[in-house]
Protein backbone atom coordinates (compact mmCIF):
# COMPACT_ATOMS: atom_id res chain seq x y z
CA MET A 1 0.00 0.00 0.00
CA GLN A 2 3.04 2.30 0.11
CA GLY A 3 2.90 5.32 -2.18
CA LYS A 4 -0.85 4.82 -2.57
CA SER A 5 -3.63 7.29 -1.95
CA VAL A 6 -5.38 6.53 1.32
CA GLN A 7 -7.92 8.16 3.57
CA VAL A 8 -8.33 7.90 7.31
CA LYS A 9 -11.33 6.49 9.11
CA PRO A 10 -13.54 8.94 11.05
CA GLY A 11 -12.12 9.71 14.48
CA THR A 12 -8.50 8.86 13.57
CA ARG A 13 -5.89 10.30 15.91
CA ASN A 14 -2.20 10.81 15.28
CA HIS A 15 0.60 9.53 17.51
CA LYS A 16 0.15 12.54 19.83
CA GLY A 17 -3.57 11.84 20.31
CA PHE A 18 -4.88 14.69 18.16
CA PHE A 19 -7.68 14.13 15.65
CA ILE A 20 -6.59 14.54 12.04
CA ASP A 21 -8.66 15.72 9.07
CA GLU A 22 -10.53 13.20 6.97
CA ALA A 23 -8.85 13.91 3.66
CA PRO A 24 -6.92 12.07 0.97
CA TYR A 25 -3.34 11.34 2.03
CA THR A 26 -0.37 9.57 0.49
CA LEU A 27 1.02 6.63 2.42
CA VAL A 28 4.77 7.21 2.61
CA ASN A 29 5.75 4.13 4.63
CA ILE A 30 5.25 2.21 7.84
CA ASN A 31 8.12 2.93 10.19
CA PRO A 32 9.86 0.35 12.43
CA ALA A 33 7.75 1.45 15.42
CA GLY A 34 4.61 0.38 13.52
CA TRP A 35 3.19 3.83 12.71
CA ALA A 36 1.99 4.58 9.18
CA VAL A 37 3.47 7.83 7.85
CA ILE A 38 0.88 9.67 5.74
CA CYS A 39 1.23 13.05 4.07
CA ILE A 40 -1.09 15.58 2.45
CA ASP A 41 1.85 17.42 0.89
CA ASP A 42 5.57 17.95 1.51
CA ALA A 43 4.90 19.95 4.68
CA ILE A 44 2.01 18.16 6.40
CA CYS A 45 2.51 14.58 7.54
CA HIS A 46 1.10 12.46 10.37
CA PHE A 47 1.94 9.21 12.15
CA VAL A 48 -1.20 7.08 12.49
CA ASP A 49 -2.20 3.51 13.28
CA PRO A 50 -2.18 1.55 9.98
CA ASP A 51 -5.53 0.01 10.97
CA ASP A 52 -7.10 3.49 10.60
CA LEU A 53 -6.33 3.66 6.86
CA GLU A 54 -8.60 2.84 3.94
CA ALA A 55 -7.84 2.79 0.23
CA PHE A 56 -8.92 6.05 -1.37
CA ASN A 57 -11.17 5.66 -4.39
CA GLU A 58 -11.74 8.82 -6.38
CA ALA A 59 -15.28 8.92 -7.72
């Protein structure tokens, strides 16, 4: 799933416990600690639980 467009499930929190926006993200990788690294662009990235990701299907 790396490098794929994904979206987060409603109520997803990042590694600091803050809710993140439900928006399309790019899955960068899953780090050794088990967090999925997702980014909206080059400046905005989040660490989230990989179980909170869904494939993003553009309609």
